Amino acid sequence: IGKTTSFGQELMDAGRKEGLEKGIEKGRIRGREEGLERMATAIRGYLESAYPKFANDPSIGHIASLDQAGEILKRLYRAKSEAMVREILRRR
């Protein structure tokens, strides 16, 4: 059938479209993963300097979204005590 027939061209176009959509979705997933990794690094970095005993808290690795990570980081910046930091990390 090949490239020269309209049917062949339709198949190729459909294949390209499907491939592009899958590639875009994989890129989004990868981007979210990288974003979460960077936010976790930022949270750990802040905690390392301000509240070192919480820098390796396992709850940081369980943050589910960039919005959640951003909110946690904002609350950590405003924390005035270790008790507040502990509560922020536990609440996620």
PDB file of N, CA and C in Angstrom:
ATOM      1  N   ILE A   1       0.847  -1.179   0.000  1.00  0.00           N
ATOM      2  CA  ILE A   1       0.000   0.000   0.000  1.00  0.00           C
ATOM      3  C   ILE A   1       0.889   1.237   0.000  1.00  0.00           C
ATOM      4  N   GLY A   2       1.784   1.328   0.944  1.00  0.00           N
ATOM      5  CA  GLY A   2       2.822   2.333   0.920  1.00  0.00           C
ATOM      6  C   GLY A   2       2.378   3.771   1.057  1.00  0.00           C
ATOM      7  N   LYS A   3       3.349   4.655   0.859  1.00  0.00           N
ATOM      8  CA  LYS A   3       3.141   6.084   1.014  1.00  0.00           C
ATOM      9  C   LYS A   3       2.334   6.703  -0.120  1.00  0.00           C
ATOM     10  N   THR A   4       2.283   6.042  -1.246  1.00  0.00           N
ATOM     11  CA  THR A   4       1.688   6.668  -2.434  1.00  0.00           C
ATOM     12  C   THR A   4       0.173   6.632  -2.458  1.00  0.00           C
ATOM     13  N   THR A   5      -0.461   5.786  -1.672  1.00  0.00           N
ATOM     14  CA  THR A   5      -1.925   5.743  -1.678  1.00  0.00           C
ATOM     15  C   THR A   5      -2.475   6.582  -0.524  1.00  0.00           C
ATOM     16  N   SER A   6      -3.706   7.027  -0.672  1.00  0.00           N
ATOM     17  CA  SER A   6      -4.302   7.842   0.390  1.00  0.00           C
ATOM     18  C   SER A   6      -4.480   7.022   1.673  1.00  0.00           C
ATOM     19  N   PHE A   7      -4.805   5.737   1.524  1.00  0.00           N
ATOM     20  CA  PHE A   7      -4.953   4.875   2.687  1.00  0.00           C
ATOM     21  C   PHE A   7      -3.617   4.732   3.418  1.00  0.00           C
ATOM     22  N   GLY A   8      -2.566   4.522   2.659  1.00  0.00           N
ATOM     23  CA  GLY A   8      -1.234   4.401   3.255  1.00  0.00           C
ATOM     24  C   GLY A   8      -0.829   5.683   3.961  1.00  0.00           C
ATOM     25  N   GLN A   9      -1.151   6.813   3.346  1.00  0.00           N
ATOM     26  CA  GLN A   9      -0.825   8.111   3.958  1.00  0.00           C
ATOM     27  C   GLN A   9      -1.620   8.319   5.252  1.00  0.00           C
ATOM     28  N   GLU A  10      -2.891   7.891   5.244  1.00  0.00           N
ATOM     29  CA  GLU A  10      -3.723   8.007   6.452  1.00  0.00           C
ATOM     30  C   GLU A  10      -3.141   7.160   7.587  1.00  0.00           C
ATOM     31  N   LEU A  11      -2.691   5.967   7.273  1.00  0.00           N
ATOM     32  CA  LEU A  11      -2.082   5.105   8.289  1.00  0.00           C
ATOM     33  C   LEU A  11      -0.825   5.746   8.874  1.00  0.00           C
ATOM     34  N   MET A  12      -0.016   6.307   8.005  1.00  0.00           N
ATOM     35  CA  MET A  12       1.221   6.951   8.465  1.00  0.00           C
ATOM     36  C   MET A  12       0.907   8.173   9.327  1.00  0.00           C
ATOM     37  N   ASP A  13      -0.073   8.968   8.896  1.00  0.00           N
ATOM     38  CA  ASP A  13      -0.454  10.153   9.671  1.00  0.00           C
ATOM     39  C   ASP A  13      -0.989   9.754  11.041  1.00  0.00           C
ATOM     40  N   ALA A  14      -1.819   8.711  11.077  1.00  0.00           N
ATOM     41  CA  ALA A  14      -2.363   8.238  12.346  1.00  0.00           C
ATOM     42  C   ALA A  14      -1.244   7.734  13.255  1.00  0.00           C
ATOM     43  N   GLY A  15      -0.287   7.039  12.683  1.00  0.00           N
ATOM     44  CA  GLY A  15       0.852   6.542  13.462  1.00  0.00           C
ATOM     45  C   GLY A  15       1.688   7.677  14.022  1.00  0.00           C
ATOM     46  N   ARG A  16       1.924   8.704  13.212  1.00  0.00           N
ATOM     47  CA  ARG A  16       2.689   9.868  13.690  1.00  0.00           C
ATOM     48  C   ARG A  16       1.949  10.561  14.834  1.00  0.00           C
ATOM     49  N   LYS A  17       0.635  10.750  14.650  1.00  0.00           N
ATOM     50  CA  LYS A  17      -0.165  11.426  15.668  1.00  0.00           C
ATOM     51  C   LYS A  17      -0.129  10.652  16.984  1.00  0.00           C
ATOM     52  N   GLU A  18      -0.312   9.340  16.891  1.00  0.00           N
ATOM     53  CA  GLU A  18      -0.282   8.511  18.098  1.00  0.00           C
ATOM     54  C   GLU A  18       1.088   8.566  18.757  1.00  0.00           C
ATOM     55  N   GLY A  19       2.138   8.495  17.959  1.00  0.00           N
ATOM     56  CA  GLY A  19       3.495   8.569  18.501  1.00  0.00           C
ATOM     57  C   GLY A  19       3.762   9.902  19.176  1.00  0.00           C
ATOM     58  N   LEU A  20       3.298  10.979  18.552  1.00  0.00           N
ATOM     59  CA  LEU A  20       3.484  12.304  19.130  1.00  0.00           C
ATOM     60  C   LEU A  20       2.742  12.423  20.456  1.00  0.00           C
ATOM     61  N   GLU A  21       1.505  11.947  20.509  1.00  0.00           N
ATOM     62  CA  GLU A  21       0.725  12.009  21.742  1.00  0.00           C
ATOM     63  C   GLU A  21       1.385  11.210  22.862  1.00  0.00           C
ATOM     64  N   LYS A  22       1.890  10.037  22.533  1.00  0.00           N
ATOM     65  CA  LYS A  22       2.571   9.221  23.550  1.00  0.00           C
ATOM     66  C   LYS A  22       3.848   9.912  24.025  1.00  0.00           C
ATOM     67  N   GLY A  23       4.569  10.519  23.089  1.00  0.00           N
ATOM     68  CA  GLY A  23       5.791  11.230  23.458  1.00  0.00           C
ATOM     69  C   GLY A  23       5.519  12.422  24.353  1.00  0.00           C
ATOM     70  N   ILE A  24       4.456  13.156  24.044  1.00  0.00           N
ATOM     71  CA  ILE A  24       4.092  14.304  24.866  1.00  0.00           C
ATOM     72  C   ILE A  24       3.735  13.851  26.273  1.00  0.00           C
ATOM     73  N   GLU A  25       2.943  12.794  26.378  1.00  0.00           N
ATOM     74  CA  GLU A  25       2.547  12.290  27.693  1.00  0.00           C
ATOM     75  C   GLU A  25       3.761  11.806  28.486  1.00  0.00           C
ATOM     76  N   LYS A  26       4.671  11.097  27.840  1.00  0.00           N
ATOM     77  CA  LYS A  26       5.888  10.647  28.536  1.00  0.00           C
ATOM     78  C   LYS A  26       6.706  11.846  29.011  1.00  0.00           C
ATOM     79  N   GLY A  27       6.742  12.900  28.186  1.00  0.00           N
ATOM     80  CA  GLY A  27       7.458  14.119  28.569  1.00  0.00           C
ATOM     81  C   GLY A  27       6.830  14.790  29.775  1.00  0.00           C
ATOM     82  N   ARG A  28       5.509  14.827  29.808  1.00  0.00           N
ATOM     83  CA  ARG A  28       4.814  15.406  30.965  1.00  0.00           C
ATOM     84  C   ARG A  28       5.123  14.623  32.235  1.00  0.00           C
ATOM     85  N   ILE A  29       5.057  13.316  32.128  1.00  0.00           N
ATOM     86  CA  ILE A  29       5.332  12.467  33.292  1.00  0.00           C
ATOM     87  C   ILE A  29       6.756  12.692  33.775  1.00  0.00           C
ATOM     88  N   ARG A  30       7.691  12.695  32.849  1.00  0.00           N
ATOM     89  CA  ARG A  30       9.101  12.899  33.196  1.00  0.00           C
ATOM     90  C   ARG A  30       9.319  14.275  33.813  1.00  0.00           C
ATOM     91  N   GLY A  31       8.647  15.275  33.253  1.00  0.00           N
ATOM     92  CA  GLY A  31       8.761  16.627  33.781  1.00  0.00           C
ATOM     93  C   GLY A  31       8.239  16.729  35.209  1.00  0.00           C
ATOM     94  N   ARG A  32       7.102  16.089  35.471  1.00  0.00           N
ATOM     95  CA  ARG A  32       6.560  16.085  36.832  1.00  0.00           C
ATOM     96  C   ARG A  32       7.517  15.395  37.794  1.00  0.00           C
ATOM     97  N   GLU A  33       8.065  14.261  37.360  1.00  0.00           N
ATOM     98  CA  GLU A  33       9.007  13.528  38.216  1.00  0.00           C
ATOM     99  C   GLU A  33      10.228  14.383  38.541  1.00  0.00           C
ATOM    100  N   GLU A  34      10.775  15.030  37.518  1.00  0.00           N
ATOM    101  CA  GLU A  34      11.945  15.875  37.739  1.00  0.00           C
ATOM    102  C   GLU A  34      11.606  17.064  38.621  1.00  0.00           C
ATOM    103  N   GLY A  35      10.429  17.639  38.406  1.00  0.00           N
ATOM    104  CA  GLY A  35      10.002  18.758  39.237  1.00  0.00           C
ATOM    105  C   GLY A  35       9.867  18.364  40.696  1.00  0.00           C
ATOM    106  N   LEU A  36       9.268  17.200  40.943  1.00  0.00           N
ATOM    107  CA  LEU A  36       9.139  16.720  42.325  1.00  0.00           C
ATOM    108  C   LEU A  36      10.499  16.443  42.952  1.00  0.00           C
ATOM    109  N   GLU A  37      11.407  15.883  42.167  1.00  0.00           N
ATOM    110  CA  GLU A  37      12.762  15.626  42.680  1.00  0.00           C
ATOM    111  C   GLU A  37      13.443  16.932  43.071  1.00  0.00           C
ATOM    112  N   ARG A  38      13.289  17.953  42.228  1.00  0.00           N
ATOM    113  CA  ARG A  38      13.924  19.249  42.521  1.00  0.00           C
ATOM    114  C   ARG A  38      13.298  19.914  43.741  1.00  0.00           C
ATOM    115  N   MET A  39      11.975  19.806  43.857  1.00  0.00           N
ATOM    116  CA  MET A  39      11.316  20.392  45.019  1.00  0.00           C
ATOM    117  C   MET A  39      11.733  19.656  46.297  1.00  0.00           C
ATOM    118  N   ALA A  40      11.836  18.346  46.243  1.00  0.00           N
ATOM    119  CA  ALA A  40      12.285  17.579  47.407  1.00  0.00           C
ATOM    120  C   ALA A  40      13.710  17.993  47.787  1.00  0.00           C
ATOM    121  N   THR A  41      14.541  18.223  46.796  1.00  0.00           N
ATOM    122  CA  THR A  41      15.908  18.679  47.050  1.00  0.00           C
ATOM    123  C   THR A  41      15.899  20.058  47.698  1.00  0.00           C
ATOM    124  N   ALA A  42      15.021  20.935  47.224  1.00  0.00           N
ATOM    125  CA  ALA A  42      14.917  22.277  47.815  1.00  0.00           C
ATOM    126  C   ALA A  42      14.443  22.192  49.266  1.00  0.00           C
ATOM    127  N   ILE A  43      13.458  21.348  49.519  1.00  0.00           N
ATOM    128  CA  ILE A  43      12.953  21.184  50.880  1.00  0.00           C
ATOM    129  C   ILE A  43      14.048  20.634  51.785  1.00  0.00           C
ATOM    130  N   ARG A  44      14.740  19.609  51.315  1.00  0.00           N
ATOM    131  CA  ARG A  44      15.832  19.032  52.127  1.00  0.00           C
ATOM    132  C   ARG A  44      16.940  20.057  52.358  1.00  0.00           C
ATOM    133  N   GLY A  45      17.261  20.822  51.325  1.00  0.00           N
ATOM    134  CA  GLY A  45      18.297  21.847  51.451  1.00  0.00           C
ATOM    135  C   GLY A  45      17.934  22.899  52.477  1.00  0.00           C
ATOM    136  N   TYR A  46      16.695  23.357  52.432  1.00  0.00           N
ATOM    137  CA  TYR A  46      16.250  24.329  53.424  1.00  0.00           C
ATOM    138  C   TYR A  46      16.310  23.732  54.826  1.00  0.00           C
ATOM    139  N   LEU A  47      15.780  22.531  54.972  1.00  0.00           N
ATOM    140  CA  LEU A  47      15.785  21.896  56.287  1.00  0.00           C
ATOM    141  C   LEU A  47      17.203  21.655  56.785  1.00  0.00           C
ATOM    142  N   GLU A  48      18.108  21.301  55.896  1.00  0.00           N
ATOM    143  CA  GLU A  48      19.510  21.066  56.282  1.00  0.00           C
ATOM    144  C   GLU A  48      20.097  22.311  56.938  1.00  0.00           C
ATOM    145  N   SER A  49      19.749  23.476  56.430  1.00  0.00           N
ATOM    146  CA  SER A  49      20.311  24.701  57.003  1.00  0.00           C
ATOM    147  C   SER A  49      19.516  25.217  58.198  1.00  0.00           C
ATOM    148  N   ALA A  50      18.196  25.049  58.198  1.00  0.00           N
ATOM    149  CA  ALA A  50      17.374  25.625  59.261  1.00  0.00           C
ATOM    150  C   ALA A  50      17.027  24.640  60.380  1.00  0.00           C
ATOM    151  N   TYR A  51      16.726  23.406  60.005  1.00  0.00           N
ATOM    152  CA  TYR A  51      16.325  22.377  60.971  1.00  0.00           C
ATOM    153  C   TYR A  51      16.953  21.045  60.553  1.00  0.00           C
ATOM    154  N   PRO A  52      18.262  20.906  60.746  1.00  0.00           N
ATOM    155  CA  PRO A  52      19.004  19.749  60.206  1.00  0.00           C
ATOM    156  C   PRO A  52      18.451  18.374  60.566  1.00  0.00           C
ATOM    157  N   LYS A  53      17.871  18.230  61.734  1.00  0.00           N
ATOM    158  CA  LYS A  53      17.413  16.893  62.117  1.00  0.00           C
ATOM    159  C   LYS A  53      16.223  16.422  61.280  1.00  0.00           C
ATOM    160  N   PHE A  54      15.595  17.314  60.512  1.00  0.00           N
ATOM    161  CA  PHE A  54      14.464  16.938  59.669  1.00  0.00           C
ATOM    162  C   PHE A  54      14.842  16.788  58.185  1.00  0.00           C
ATOM    163  N   ALA A  55      16.083  17.052  57.848  1.00  0.00           N
ATOM    164  CA  ALA A  55      16.500  17.070  56.439  1.00  0.00           C
ATOM    165  C   ALA A  55      16.301  15.725  55.733  1.00  0.00           C
ATOM    166  N   ASN A  56      16.382  14.638  56.469  1.00  0.00           N
ATOM    167  CA  ASN A  56      16.229  13.315  55.854  1.00  0.00           C
ATOM    168  C   ASN A  56      14.910  12.642  56.225  1.00  0.00           C
ATOM    169  N   ASP A  57      13.951  13.443  56.598  1.00  0.00           N
ATOM    170  CA  ASP A  57      12.648  12.894  56.983  1.00  0.00           C
ATOM    171  C   ASP A  57      12.049  12.134  55.799  1.00  0.00           C
ATOM    172  N   PRO A  58      11.625  10.893  56.012  1.00  0.00           N
ATOM    173  CA  PRO A  58      11.113  10.086  54.902  1.00  0.00           C
ATOM    174  C   PRO A  58       9.831  10.632  54.266  1.00  0.00           C
ATOM    175  N   SER A  59       9.090  11.445  54.978  1.00  0.00           N
ATOM    176  CA  SER A  59       7.850  11.978  54.416  1.00  0.00           C
ATOM    177  C   SER A  59       8.108  12.875  53.206  1.00  0.00           C
ATOM    178  N   ILE A  60       9.297  13.428  53.096  1.00  0.00           N
ATOM    179  CA  ILE A  60       9.631  14.288  51.957  1.00  0.00           C
ATOM    180  C   ILE A  60       9.560  13.490  50.657  1.00  0.00           C
ATOM    181  N   GLY A  61       9.940  12.237  50.716  1.00  0.00           N
ATOM    182  CA  GLY A  61       9.900  11.389  49.528  1.00  0.00           C
ATOM    183  C   GLY A  61       8.504  10.959  49.119  1.00  0.00           C
ATOM    184  N   HIS A  62       7.514  11.276  49.933  1.00  0.00           N
ATOM    185  CA  HIS A  62       6.139  10.864  49.643  1.00  0.00           C
ATOM    186  C   HIS A  62       5.260  12.022  49.180  1.00  0.00           C
ATOM    187  N   ILE A  63       5.859  13.147  48.880  1.00  0.00           N
ATOM    188  CA  ILE A  63       5.098  14.293  48.384  1.00  0.00           C
ATOM    189  C   ILE A  63       4.573  13.942  46.997  1.00  0.00           C
ATOM    190  N   ALA A  64       3.284  14.181  46.775  1.00  0.00           N
ATOM    191  CA  ALA A  64       2.626  13.667  45.576  1.00  0.00           C
ATOM    192  C   ALA A  64       2.511  14.654  44.421  1.00  0.00           C
ATOM    193  N   SER A  65       2.621  15.954  44.676  1.00  0.00           N
ATOM    194  CA  SER A  65       2.438  16.898  43.580  1.00  0.00           C
ATOM    195  C   SER A  65       3.329  18.123  43.778  1.00  0.00           C
ATOM    196  N   LEU A  66       3.539  18.851  42.690  1.00  0.00           N
ATOM    197  CA  LEU A  66       4.328  20.071  42.768  1.00  0.00           C
ATOM    198  C   LEU A  66       3.629  21.123  43.610  1.00  0.00           C
ATOM    199  N   ASP A  67       2.310  21.197  43.507  1.00  0.00           N
ATOM    200  CA  ASP A  67       1.561  22.151  44.322  1.00  0.00           C
ATOM    201  C   ASP A  67       1.741  21.847  45.807  1.00  0.00           C
ATOM    202  N   GLN A  68       1.635  20.581  46.148  1.00  0.00           N
ATOM    203  CA  GLN A  68       1.807  20.167  47.537  1.00  0.00           C
ATOM    204  C   GLN A  68       3.223  20.507  48.015  1.00  0.00           C
ATOM    205  N   ALA A  69       4.216  20.236  47.193  1.00  0.00           N
ATOM    206  CA  ALA A  69       5.605  20.524  47.556  1.00  0.00           C
ATOM    207  C   ALA A  69       5.809  22.021  47.761  1.00  0.00           C
ATOM    208  N   GLY A  70       5.246  22.826  46.881  1.00  0.00           N
ATOM    209  CA  GLY A  70       5.368  24.276  47.016  1.00  0.00           C
ATOM    210  C   GLY A  70       4.725  24.785  48.284  1.00  0.00           C
ATOM    211  N   GLU A  71       3.557  24.248  48.601  1.00  0.00           N
ATOM    212  CA  GLU A  71       2.859  24.652  49.817  1.00  0.00           C
ATOM    213  C   GLU A  71       3.659  24.248  51.060  1.00  0.00           C
ATOM    214  N   ILE A  72       4.221  23.056  51.049  1.00  0.00           N
ATOM    215  CA  ILE A  72       5.043  22.600  52.178  1.00  0.00           C
ATOM    216  C   ILE A  72       6.242  23.515  52.358  1.00  0.00           C
ATOM    217  N   LEU A  73       6.899  23.854  51.267  1.00  0.00           N
ATOM    218  CA  LEU A  73       8.077  24.716  51.355  1.00  0.00           C
ATOM    219  C   LEU A  73       7.697  26.092  51.909  1.00  0.00           C
ATOM    220  N   LYS A  74       6.573  26.647  51.467  1.00  0.00           N
ATOM    221  CA  LYS A  74       6.118  27.947  52.000  1.00  0.00           C
ATOM    222  C   LYS A  74       5.855  27.860  53.503  1.00  0.00           C
ATOM    223  N   ARG A  75       5.198  26.798  53.919  1.00  0.00           N
ATOM    224  CA  ARG A  75       4.903  26.650  55.351  1.00  0.00           C
ATOM    225  C   ARG A  75       6.186  26.447  56.156  1.00  0.00           C
ATOM    226  N   LEU A  76       7.145  25.712  55.590  1.00  0.00           N
ATOM    227  CA  LEU A  76       8.418  25.517  56.295  1.00  0.00           C
ATOM    228  C   LEU A  76       9.150  26.837  56.489  1.00  0.00           C
ATOM    229  N   TYR A  77       9.129  27.703  55.474  1.00  0.00           N
ATOM    230  CA  TYR A  77       9.784  29.009  55.596  1.00  0.00           C
ATOM    231  C   TYR A  77       9.185  29.823  56.746  1.00  0.00           C
ATOM    232  N   ARG A  78       7.886  29.632  56.994  1.00  0.00           N
ATOM    233  CA  ARG A  78       7.207  30.396  58.049  1.00  0.00           C
ATOM    234  C   ARG A  78       7.283  29.720  59.419  1.00  0.00           C
ATOM    235  N   ALA A  79       7.748  28.482  59.457  1.00  0.00           N
ATOM    236  CA  ALA A  79       7.798  27.740  60.727  1.00  0.00           C
ATOM    237  C   ALA A  79       8.732  28.438  61.707  1.00  0.00           C
ATOM    238  N   LYS A  80       8.288  28.470  62.947  1.00  0.00           N
ATOM    239  CA  LYS A  80       9.073  29.148  63.978  1.00  0.00           C
ATOM    240  C   LYS A  80       9.699  28.182  64.985  1.00  0.00           C
ATOM    241  N   SER A  81       9.396  26.888  64.845  1.00  0.00           N
ATOM    242  CA  SER A  81       9.931  25.933  65.817  1.00  0.00           C
ATOM    243  C   SER A  81      10.018  24.540  65.186  1.00  0.00           C
ATOM    244  N   GLU A  82      10.759  23.681  65.855  1.00  0.00           N
ATOM    245  CA  GLU A  82      10.848  22.291  65.403  1.00  0.00           C
ATOM    246  C   GLU A  82       9.491  21.607  65.461  1.00  0.00           C
ATOM    247  N   ALA A  83       8.686  21.956  66.445  1.00  0.00           N
ATOM    248  CA  ALA A  83       7.351  21.359  66.553  1.00  0.00           C
ATOM    249  C   ALA A  83       6.504  21.715  65.324  1.00  0.00           C
ATOM    250  N   MET A  84       6.625  22.963  64.858  1.00  0.00           N
ATOM    251  CA  MET A  84       5.876  23.367  63.658  1.00  0.00           C
ATOM    252  C   MET A  84       6.378  22.609  62.434  1.00  0.00           C
ATOM    253  N   VAL A  85       7.680  22.459  62.317  1.00  0.00           N
ATOM    254  CA  VAL A  85       8.259  21.719  61.192  1.00  0.00           C
ATOM    255  C   VAL A  85       7.769  20.275  61.216  1.00  0.00           C
ATOM    256  N   ARG A  86       7.802  19.665  62.373  1.00  0.00           N
ATOM    257  CA  ARG A  86       7.341  18.280  62.514  1.00  0.00           C
ATOM    258  C   ARG A  86       5.879  18.165  62.060  1.00  0.00           C
ATOM    259  N   GLU A  87       5.053  19.087  62.480  1.00  0.00           N
ATOM    260  CA  GLU A  87       3.638  19.074  62.117  1.00  0.00           C
ATOM    261  C   GLU A  87       3.454  19.259  60.608  1.00  0.00           C
ATOM    262  N   ILE A  88       4.206  20.142  60.008  1.00  0.00           N
ATOM    263  CA  ILE A  88       4.115  20.374  58.556  1.00  0.00           C
ATOM    264  C   ILE A  88       4.481  19.118  57.799  1.00  0.00           C
ATOM    265  N   LEU A  89       5.549  18.466  58.189  1.00  0.00           N
ATOM    266  CA  LEU A  89       5.988  17.251  57.497  1.00  0.00           C
ATOM    267  C   LEU A  89       5.028  16.099  57.723  1.00  0.00           C
ATOM    268  N   ARG A  90       4.409  16.023  58.849  1.00  0.00           N
ATOM    269  CA  ARG A  90       3.473  14.938  59.122  1.00  0.00           C
ATOM    270  C   ARG A  90       2.157  15.143  58.380  1.00  0.00           C
ATOM    271  N   ARG A  91       1.725  16.388  58.271  1.00  0.00           N
ATOM    272  CA  ARG A  91       0.451  16.693  57.620  1.00  0.00           C
ATOM    273  C   ARG A  91       0.511  16.544  56.114  1.00  0.00           C
ATOM    274  N   ARG A  92       1.636  16.886  55.542  1.00  0.00           N
ATOM    275  CA  ARG A  92       1.815  16.888  54.084  1.00  0.00           C
ATOM    276  C   ARG A  92       0.543  17.345  53.474  1.00  0.00           C
TER     277      ARG A  92
END
